[in-house]
Protein backbone atom coordinates (compact mmCIF):
# COMPACT_ATOMS: atom_id res chain seq x y z
CA MET A 1 -0.03 0.11 -0.02
CA LYS A 2 3.18 2.24 -0.28
CA PHE A 3 3.53 3.17 3.33
CA GLN A 4 6.91 4.23 3.94
CA LYS A 5 6.85 5.21 7.50
CA PRO A 6 4.13 5.85 10.20
CA SER A 7 2.84 9.27 10.80
CA LYS A 8 3.34 10.68 14.38
CA ILE A 9 -0.36 9.35 15.54
CA GLN A 10 0.36 5.99 14.08
CA ALA A 11 3.88 5.65 15.66
CA ILE A 12 2.48 6.39 19.08
CA SER A 13 -0.95 5.01 19.09
CA LEU A 14 -0.37 1.57 17.35
CA PRO A 15 1.82 0.06 20.29
CA MET A 16 -0.82 1.36 22.69
CA ILE A 17 -3.60 -0.47 20.72
CA LEU A 18 -1.77 -3.70 19.94
CA ASN A 19 0.29 -4.38 23.23
CA PRO A 20 -1.27 -5.90 26.28
CA PRO A 21 -3.11 -4.82 28.52
CA HIS A 22 -5.07 -3.53 25.68
CA ARG A 23 -6.09 -0.29 27.43
CA ASP A 24 -8.89 1.90 26.12
CA LEU A 25 -7.66 4.83 24.12
CA ILE A 26 -8.78 8.48 23.39
CA ALA A 27 -6.87 9.78 20.42
CA GLN A 28 -6.99 13.02 18.58
CA ALA A 29 -4.95 14.01 15.66
CA HIS A 30 -5.03 16.35 12.55
CA ASN A 31 -7.32 15.46 9.61
CA GLY A 32 -5.35 13.54 7.12
CA SER A 33 -2.76 12.21 9.46
CA GLY A 34 -3.54 8.45 9.19
CA LYS A 35 -6.10 7.88 12.16
CA THR A 36 -8.02 5.26 10.05
CA THR A 37 -4.92 3.19 9.48
CA CYS A 38 -4.39 3.01 13.17
CA PHE A 39 -7.78 1.62 14.18
CA VAL A 40 -7.95 -0.59 11.00
CA LEU A 41 -4.65 -2.26 11.74
CA GLY A 42 -5.79 -2.44 15.50
CA MET A 43 -8.92 -4.33 14.51
CA LEU A 44 -7.16 -6.77 12.13
CA SER A 45 -4.46 -7.47 14.58
CA ARG A 46 -6.83 -8.39 17.46
CA VAL A 47 -8.89 -10.82 15.27
CA ASP A 48 -8.61 -14.62 15.65
CA PRO A 49 -8.92 -15.68 12.13
CA SER A 50 -9.94 -19.19 13.24
CA MET A 51 -12.96 -17.91 15.30
CA GLN A 52 -15.92 -17.24 13.01
CA ALA A 53 -17.77 -14.73 15.09
CA PRO A 54 -17.73 -10.87 15.35
CA GLN A 55 -14.51 -9.78 17.24
CA ALA A 56 -14.19 -6.25 16.31
CA LEU A 57 -16.75 -3.51 15.78
CA CYS A 58 -16.36 0.12 14.42
CA ILE A 59 -19.18 2.60 14.46
CA CYS A 60 -19.22 5.72 12.15
CA PRO A 61 -21.56 8.71 11.84
CA THR A 62 -22.48 8.41 8.16
CA ARG A 63 -22.94 5.64 5.68
CA GLU A 64 -20.25 7.17 3.41
CA LEU A 65 -17.58 6.83 6.22
CA ALA A 66 -18.48 3.34 7.09
CA ILE A 67 -18.40 2.18 3.53
CA GLN A 68 -14.96 4.00 3.13
CA ASN A 69 -13.60 2.39 6.43
CA THR A 70 -14.84 -0.96 5.16
CA GLU A 71 -13.06 -0.58 1.77
CA VAL A 72 -9.72 0.40 3.63
CA LEU A 73 -10.16 -2.64 6.01
CA ARG A 74 -10.58 -5.00 3.00
CA LYS A 75 -7.56 -3.75 1.26
CA MET A 76 -5.47 -3.96 4.39
CA GLY A 77 -6.73 -7.25 5.40
CA LYS A 78 -6.75 -8.66 1.74
CA TYR A 79 -4.35 -11.73 2.51
CA THR A 80 -5.35 -12.27 6.14
CA GLY A 81 -8.55 -14.24 5.38
CA ILE A 82 -10.48 -12.05 7.87
CA SER A 83 -14.07 -11.44 6.96
CA SER A 84 -15.94 -8.23 7.36
CA GLU A 85 -19.44 -6.93 6.95
CA CYS A 86 -20.73 -3.16 6.33
CA ALA A 87 -23.67 -2.52 8.42
CA VAL A 88 -25.31 0.50 6.81
CA PRO A 89 -29.02 1.23 5.78
CA THR A 90 -30.14 -0.06 2.47
CA ASP A 91 -33.12 0.98 0.35
CA SER A 92 -32.85 -1.85 -2.01
CA ARG A 93 -36.20 -3.86 -2.54
CA ASP A 94 -34.19 -7.04 -2.87
CA SER A 95 -32.53 -6.59 0.70
CA ILE A 96 -33.55 -9.13 3.28
CA PRO A 97 -35.78 -8.04 6.23
CA ILE A 98 -33.76 -7.95 9.39
CA GLN A 99 -35.96 -10.45 11.09
CA LYS A 100 -35.20 -13.11 8.42
CA ARG A 101 -31.57 -12.46 8.18
CA ALA A 102 -28.92 -15.03 9.21
CA PRO A 103 -26.72 -14.23 12.22
CA ILE A 104 -23.65 -12.14 11.28
CA MET A 105 -20.69 -14.26 11.27
CA ALA A 106 -18.08 -11.75 9.76
CA GLN A 107 -15.14 -11.07 12.25
CA VAL A 108 -15.25 -7.42 11.76
CA VAL A 109 -18.22 -5.28 11.55
CA ILE A 110 -18.17 -1.69 10.48
CA GLY A 111 -21.39 0.49 10.33
CA THR A 112 -23.61 3.25 11.65
CA PRO A 113 -25.10 3.43 14.91
CA GLY A 114 -28.83 2.82 13.92
CA THR A 115 -28.18 -0.14 11.86
CA ILE A 116 -25.82 -1.78 14.31
CA LYS A 117 -28.34 -1.23 17.21
CA LYS A 118 -30.89 -2.68 15.20
CA TRP A 119 -28.80 -5.78 14.41
CA ILE A 120 -27.93 -6.19 18.24
CA SER A 121 -31.48 -5.82 19.29
CA TYR A 122 -32.70 -8.44 16.87
CA LYS A 123 -29.85 -10.69 17.97
CA LYS A 124 -28.36 -10.87 14.53
CA LEU A 125 -25.05 -9.42 15.70
CA ALA A 126 -23.53 -11.07 18.72
CA VAL A 127 -21.32 -9.00 21.06
CA THR A 128 -20.05 -11.66 23.32
CA ARG A 129 -16.74 -12.26 21.52
CA LEU A 130 -15.86 -8.67 20.85
CA LYS A 131 -12.33 -7.75 21.60
CA ILE A 132 -12.25 -4.17 20.16
CA LEU A 133 -14.81 -1.42 19.77
CA VAL A 134 -13.93 1.67 17.67
CA PHE A 135 -15.78 4.93 17.50
CA ASP A 136 -14.68 6.89 14.46
CA GLU A 137 -15.43 10.69 14.61
CA ALA A 138 -15.91 9.84 18.39
CA ASP A 139 -16.75 13.47 19.32
CA GLN A 140 -19.89 13.32 17.03
CA MET A 141 -20.78 9.89 18.20
CA LEU A 142 -20.90 10.91 21.88
CA ALA A 143 -22.23 14.44 21.55
CA GLU A 144 -25.62 15.48 22.80
CA ASP A 145 -26.71 16.46 19.27
CA GLY A 146 -25.00 13.62 17.61
CA PHE A 147 -25.43 9.92 18.34
CA LYS A 148 -24.91 9.75 22.05
CA ASP A 149 -27.90 7.66 23.01
CA ASP A 150 -27.43 4.92 20.45
CA SER A 151 -23.53 4.81 21.10
CA LEU A 152 -24.16 4.39 24.94
CA ARG A 153 -26.72 1.78 24.39
CA ILE A 154 -24.41 -0.17 22.13
CA MET A 155 -21.53 0.12 24.82
CA LYS A 156 -23.93 -1.04 27.62
CA GLU A 157 -24.93 -3.97 25.69
CA ILE A 158 -21.33 -4.92 25.03
CA GLU A 159 -20.29 -4.22 28.68
CA LYS A 160 -23.22 -6.69 29.84
CA PHE A 161 -21.34 -9.72 28.31
CA ASN A 162 -17.84 -8.46 27.86
CA SER A 163 -16.36 -5.90 30.23
CA SER A 164 -12.77 -6.47 28.83
CA CYS A 165 -13.65 -5.17 25.34
CA GLN A 166 -11.07 -2.55 24.44
CA VAL A 167 -12.65 0.79 23.39
CA LEU A 168 -10.84 3.21 20.96
CA LEU A 169 -12.09 6.77 20.47
CA PHE A 170 -10.70 8.58 17.44
CA SER A 171 -11.29 12.06 16.09
CA ALA A 172 -9.69 15.27 14.86
CA THR A 173 -11.63 17.29 17.46
CA PHE A 174 -12.91 16.90 21.03
CA ASN A 175 -14.65 19.95 22.65
CA GLU A 176 -14.58 20.37 26.40
CA THR A 177 -17.93 18.97 26.95
CA VAL A 178 -17.43 15.72 24.88
CA LYS A 179 -14.06 15.44 26.29
CA ASN A 180 -15.20 15.43 29.81
CA PHE A 181 -17.95 13.04 29.03
CA VAL A 182 -15.60 10.58 27.14
CA GLU A 183 -13.19 10.70 30.34
CA ARG A 184 -16.11 9.39 32.50
CA THR A 185 -17.14 6.77 29.88
CA VAL A 186 -14.02 4.79 29.28
CA LYS A 187 -12.05 2.64 31.83
CA LYS A 188 -10.02 4.62 34.40
CA ASP A 189 -6.69 3.33 33.29
CA HIS A 190 -7.18 4.46 29.66
CA ASN A 191 -4.48 5.95 27.40
CA LYS A 192 -4.90 9.57 26.11
CA LEU A 193 -3.42 11.36 23.12
CA LEU A 194 -4.97 14.98 22.81
CA VAL A 195 -3.97 18.04 20.74
CA LYS A 196 -3.97 21.68 22.20
CA LYS A 197 -6.50 23.76 20.46
CA GLN A 198 -3.85 26.22 19.20
CA ASP A 199 -2.07 23.11 17.52
CA LEU A 200 -5.14 22.26 15.36
CA SER A 201 -4.84 24.56 12.53
CA LEU A 202 -3.82 22.83 9.42
CA ASP A 203 -0.41 24.14 8.11
CA ALA A 204 -0.66 22.43 4.73
CA VAL A 205 -3.97 24.10 3.78
CA LYS A 206 -3.93 27.74 3.10
CA GLN A 207 -7.13 29.58 4.05
CA TYR A 208 -8.68 32.50 2.10
CA LYS A 209 -11.80 34.66 2.58
CA VAL A 210 -13.58 36.18 -0.44
CA ARG A 211 -16.00 39.07 0.13
CA CYS A 212 -19.14 38.82 -2.07
CA PRO A 213 -21.67 41.59 -2.21
CA ASP A 214 -24.62 39.34 -2.31
CA GLU A 215 -25.64 35.54 -2.93
CA ARG A 216 -25.68 36.19 -6.73
CA SER A 217 -22.10 37.22 -6.71
CA LYS A 218 -21.12 33.88 -4.95
CA ILE A 219 -21.92 32.04 -8.12
CA LYS A 220 -19.55 34.61 -10.08
CA VAL A 221 -16.70 33.10 -7.90
CA TYR A 222 -17.19 29.79 -9.58
CA ASP A 223 -16.65 31.35 -13.05
CA PHE A 224 -13.13 32.39 -11.93
CA ILE A 225 -12.31 29.06 -10.17
CA PHE A 226 -13.72 26.93 -13.06
CA GLY A 227 -11.62 29.18 -15.39
CA LEU A 228 -8.56 27.82 -13.81
CA GLY A 229 -9.37 24.41 -15.57
CA GLU A 230 -8.53 20.95 -13.90
CA ASN A 231 -5.10 22.04 -12.80
CA VAL A 232 -6.40 22.55 -9.32
CA GLY A 233 -7.62 18.95 -8.76
CA GLN A 234 -11.04 18.14 -7.49
CA THR A 235 -13.16 20.59 -5.34
CA ILE A 236 -15.80 20.04 -2.59
CA ILE A 237 -18.16 22.87 -2.05
CA PHE A 238 -19.71 22.90 1.30
CA VAL A 239 -23.23 24.30 2.14
CA ARG A 240 -25.27 24.52 5.22
CA THR A 241 -28.61 22.88 4.25
CA ARG A 242 -30.12 20.38 1.93
CA GLN A 243 -32.05 23.16 0.17
CA SER A 244 -28.83 25.19 -0.45
CA ALA A 245 -27.24 22.03 -2.09
CA ILE A 246 -30.22 21.69 -4.46
CA THR A 247 -30.41 25.42 -5.13
CA LEU A 248 -26.64 25.87 -5.86
CA HIS A 249 -26.56 22.63 -8.00
CA LYS A 250 -29.38 23.93 -10.13
CA SER A 251 -27.55 27.43 -10.38
CA LEU A 252 -24.18 26.09 -11.48
CA VAL A 253 -25.72 23.51 -13.88
CA GLY A 254 -27.72 26.51 -15.34
CA GLU A 255 -24.39 28.19 -15.90
CA GLY A 256 -23.08 25.23 -17.82
CA TYR A 257 -20.94 23.67 -15.25
CA GLU A 258 -20.66 20.01 -14.62
CA VAL A 259 -21.15 19.34 -10.86
CA SER A 260 -22.66 16.78 -8.73
CA SER A 261 -24.21 17.12 -5.32
CA ILE A 262 -24.95 15.00 -2.29
CA GLN A 263 -27.18 15.67 0.80
CA GLY A 264 -29.00 13.47 3.40
CA ALA A 265 -32.34 13.48 1.65
CA LEU A 266 -31.14 11.52 -1.30
CA ASP A 267 -31.75 7.73 -1.18
CA HIS A 268 -28.98 5.46 -0.29
CA GLU A 269 -28.25 4.17 -3.74
CA GLN A 270 -28.10 7.60 -5.24
CA ARG A 271 -25.60 8.68 -2.47
CA ASP A 272 -23.33 5.78 -3.12
CA LYS A 273 -23.43 6.41 -6.79
CA ILE A 274 -22.51 10.16 -6.38
CA VAL A 275 -19.58 9.32 -4.08
CA ARG A 276 -18.38 6.39 -6.36
CA GLU A 277 -18.30 8.82 -9.44
CA PHE A 278 -16.41 11.48 -7.48
CA ARG A 279 -13.78 8.83 -6.18
CA ASP A 280 -13.35 7.49 -9.71
CA GLY A 281 -12.62 11.08 -11.00
CA LEU A 282 -15.84 11.08 -13.22
CA THR A 283 -16.85 14.32 -11.55
CA GLN A 284 -14.49 17.18 -10.54
CA VAL A 285 -16.77 19.29 -8.37
CA LEU A 286 -19.05 17.94 -5.65
CA ILE A 287 -21.55 20.15 -3.54
CA SER A 288 -22.01 18.62 -0.27
CA THR A 289 -23.87 19.40 3.21
CA ASP A 290 -21.75 18.30 6.16
CA VAL A 291 -22.59 14.70 5.39
CA LEU A 292 -19.08 14.55 3.82
CA ALA A 293 -17.37 17.10 6.29
CA ARG A 294 -15.90 14.25 8.34
CA GLY A 295 -13.51 11.62 7.57
CA PHE A 296 -14.13 11.47 3.77
CA ASP A 297 -10.85 10.78 2.22
CA GLN A 298 -10.17 11.72 -1.25
CA GLN A 299 -6.54 12.37 -2.10
CA GLN A 300 -7.22 14.40 -5.24
CA VAL A 301 -9.37 17.02 -3.37
CA ASN A 302 -7.04 20.11 -3.35
CA LEU A 303 -9.85 22.83 -2.89
CA VAL A 304 -12.54 23.35 -0.57
CA ILE A 305 -14.91 26.07 -0.72
CA ASN A 306 -17.21 27.16 2.08
CA TYR A 307 -20.21 28.45 0.24
CA ASP A 308 -21.80 28.77 3.69
CA LEU A 309 -19.78 28.90 6.90
CA PRO A 310 -20.87 26.23 9.40
CA ILE A 311 -22.88 27.38 12.40
CA LYS A 312 -23.98 25.49 15.63
CA HIS A 313 -27.61 24.02 15.43
CA THR A 314 -28.31 25.82 18.66
CA ALA A 315 -28.19 29.06 16.56
CA GLU A 316 -31.35 28.17 14.87
CA TYR A 317 -33.28 28.71 18.04
CA THR A 318 -31.31 31.33 19.90
CA ARG A 319 -30.66 33.70 16.92
CA GLU A 320 -27.03 33.98 18.08
CA PHE A 321 -25.06 32.70 15.45
CA GLU A 322 -21.98 30.87 16.68
CA PRO A 323 -19.48 29.01 14.32
CA ASP A 324 -19.15 25.33 14.57
CA TYR A 325 -15.47 25.31 15.04
CA GLU A 326 -15.16 21.44 14.77
CA VAL A 327 -17.14 21.17 11.62
CA TYR A 328 -15.07 24.11 10.10
CA LEU A 329 -11.72 22.16 11.02
CA HIS A 330 -13.14 18.91 9.42
CA ARG A 331 -14.32 20.64 6.20
CA VAL A 332 -10.85 22.30 5.82
CA GLY A 333 -9.36 18.80 6.53
CA ARG A 334 -10.91 17.41 3.26
CA ALA A 335 -8.10 19.15 1.46
CA GLY A 336 -4.41 18.57 2.06
CA ARG A 337 -4.77 14.88 3.20
CA PHE A 338 -1.73 13.39 4.63
CA GLY A 339 0.48 16.51 4.32
CA ARG A 340 -0.51 17.44 0.78
CA LYS A 341 -0.94 21.01 -0.40
CA GLY A 342 -4.58 22.45 -0.24
CA ALA A 343 -6.64 25.54 -0.19
CA VAL A 344 -9.83 26.80 1.20
CA PHE A 345 -12.04 29.78 0.03
CA ASN A 346 -14.55 31.10 2.56
CA LEU A 347 -17.25 33.06 0.83
CA ILE A 348 -18.28 36.22 2.96
CA CYS A 349 -21.54 37.75 2.03
CA ASP A 350 -22.83 39.83 5.06
CA GLU A 351 -22.10 41.19 8.52
CA ARG A 352 -23.07 37.70 10.02
CA ASP A 353 -20.51 35.92 7.74
CA GLU A 354 -18.04 38.64 8.85
CA ARG A 355 -18.66 37.85 12.46
CA LEU A 356 -18.54 34.14 11.99
CA MET A 357 -15.14 34.40 10.06
CA SER A 358 -13.71 36.68 12.70
CA LYS A 359 -14.59 34.12 15.42
CA ILE A 360 -13.08 31.32 13.54
CA GLU A 361 -9.83 33.29 13.00
CA ASN A 362 -9.65 34.17 16.78
CA HIS A 363 -10.61 30.71 17.81
CA PHE A 364 -7.66 29.10 15.88
CA SER A 365 -5.31 32.00 16.39
CA ASN A 366 -5.05 32.03 12.59
CA ARG A 367 -5.33 35.11 10.46
CA VAL A 368 -7.21 34.26 7.14
CA SER A 369 -5.85 36.02 4.06
CA GLU A 370 -8.23 37.88 1.79
CA VAL A 371 -8.56 37.38 -2.05
CA ARG A 372 -9.63 40.43 -3.90
CA GLY A 373 -11.72 38.09 -6.17
CA LYS A 374 -12.00 40.58 -9.05
CA SER A 375 -10.39 38.31 -11.78
CA VAL A 376 -9.04 34.90 -12.55
CA GLU A 377 -5.49 36.36 -11.80
CA ASP A 378 -6.46 36.84 -8.21
CA TYR A 379 -7.35 33.16 -7.70
CA LYS A 380 -4.43 32.10 -9.60
CA ALA A 381 -2.06 34.09 -7.14
CA ALA A 382 -3.77 32.74 -4.14
CA LEU A 383 -3.53 29.02 -5.43
CA LYS A 384 0.11 29.65 -6.44
CA GLU A 385 0.76 30.78 -2.89
CA ALA A 386 -0.95 27.65 -1.64
CA GLY A 387 1.38 25.65 -3.81
CA LEU A 388 -1.45 24.25 -6.02
CA LEU A 389 -0.44 26.04 -9.28
CA GLN A 390 3.06 26.63 -10.71
């Protein structure tokens, strides 16, 4: 797989995961630093290939991430004979109802919390032989507005039969609330690798802001960026809502651009097809809600555009708009994977955007440069500075 040497997180965490007494681990590291490899190797190493029963379980917040992690595991475990199953929702009419399914015999199961909880409750997924439980994007899996209830229910079910199961919690971000909760959730003698807030900015990814007088002028930005051709690599455009994804897609297609878009309201087969075409390089530009903000790994993505800056869900009720710093960091992390060069353009449209951007800069102690955005040359200069153009 062309690995030359371990990244910092891999070098520190792999011995912790693999060596007895197999303590629980809370591990935080930058986006694109190789966290998936840590827990995939951990799961493969802990499985006894001669025992045909689930021994490793990995829970992810989205079907896209669960499918991606399953693909990585199958690639890494290609010559081990270890079997795996991907536990994600399906809308295929041919799929077998859960009640009629045979019990899962795969040694590694990777999936989303709802499907895994359902499989356990219908006694299709036995947890008595589990040696290792992984939460990918653990802060979202254990957050109040995330998948906390399902995650805790699964953990309690496993603890009933198997108190020695090793728990691994991986993410690029852990806010203080989640961090305190996680500390109380895992066993007392756990290992811990955490990053200081000020060390979380991504040096390989150059961040810019572009002031746009109104929503219509945001579309004009794409004239300039698409004018640079395919030299930039692939691009992900992040929007805040499903409706924004639909509207922007229509607008860009109306301007004659080839783009695809993904959001949670699409059926599962459509979502899988859109991601597959983007991975295969059949589409260069993908519009996405935050369904792909976390963990989505595509080496050819060099450019991220924040059409909308991320805000915390509570803002909808309080009218006080607070940036979602964790989501911002994860979005930025879709570019510049594993130390590659990348750039982010944040589109700033009004006073609210100005305040959000200012808070993001202060939070990460990171001044974001401005692009004048009046011509293709302005964007060329920015991407040259980011190391994406010669």
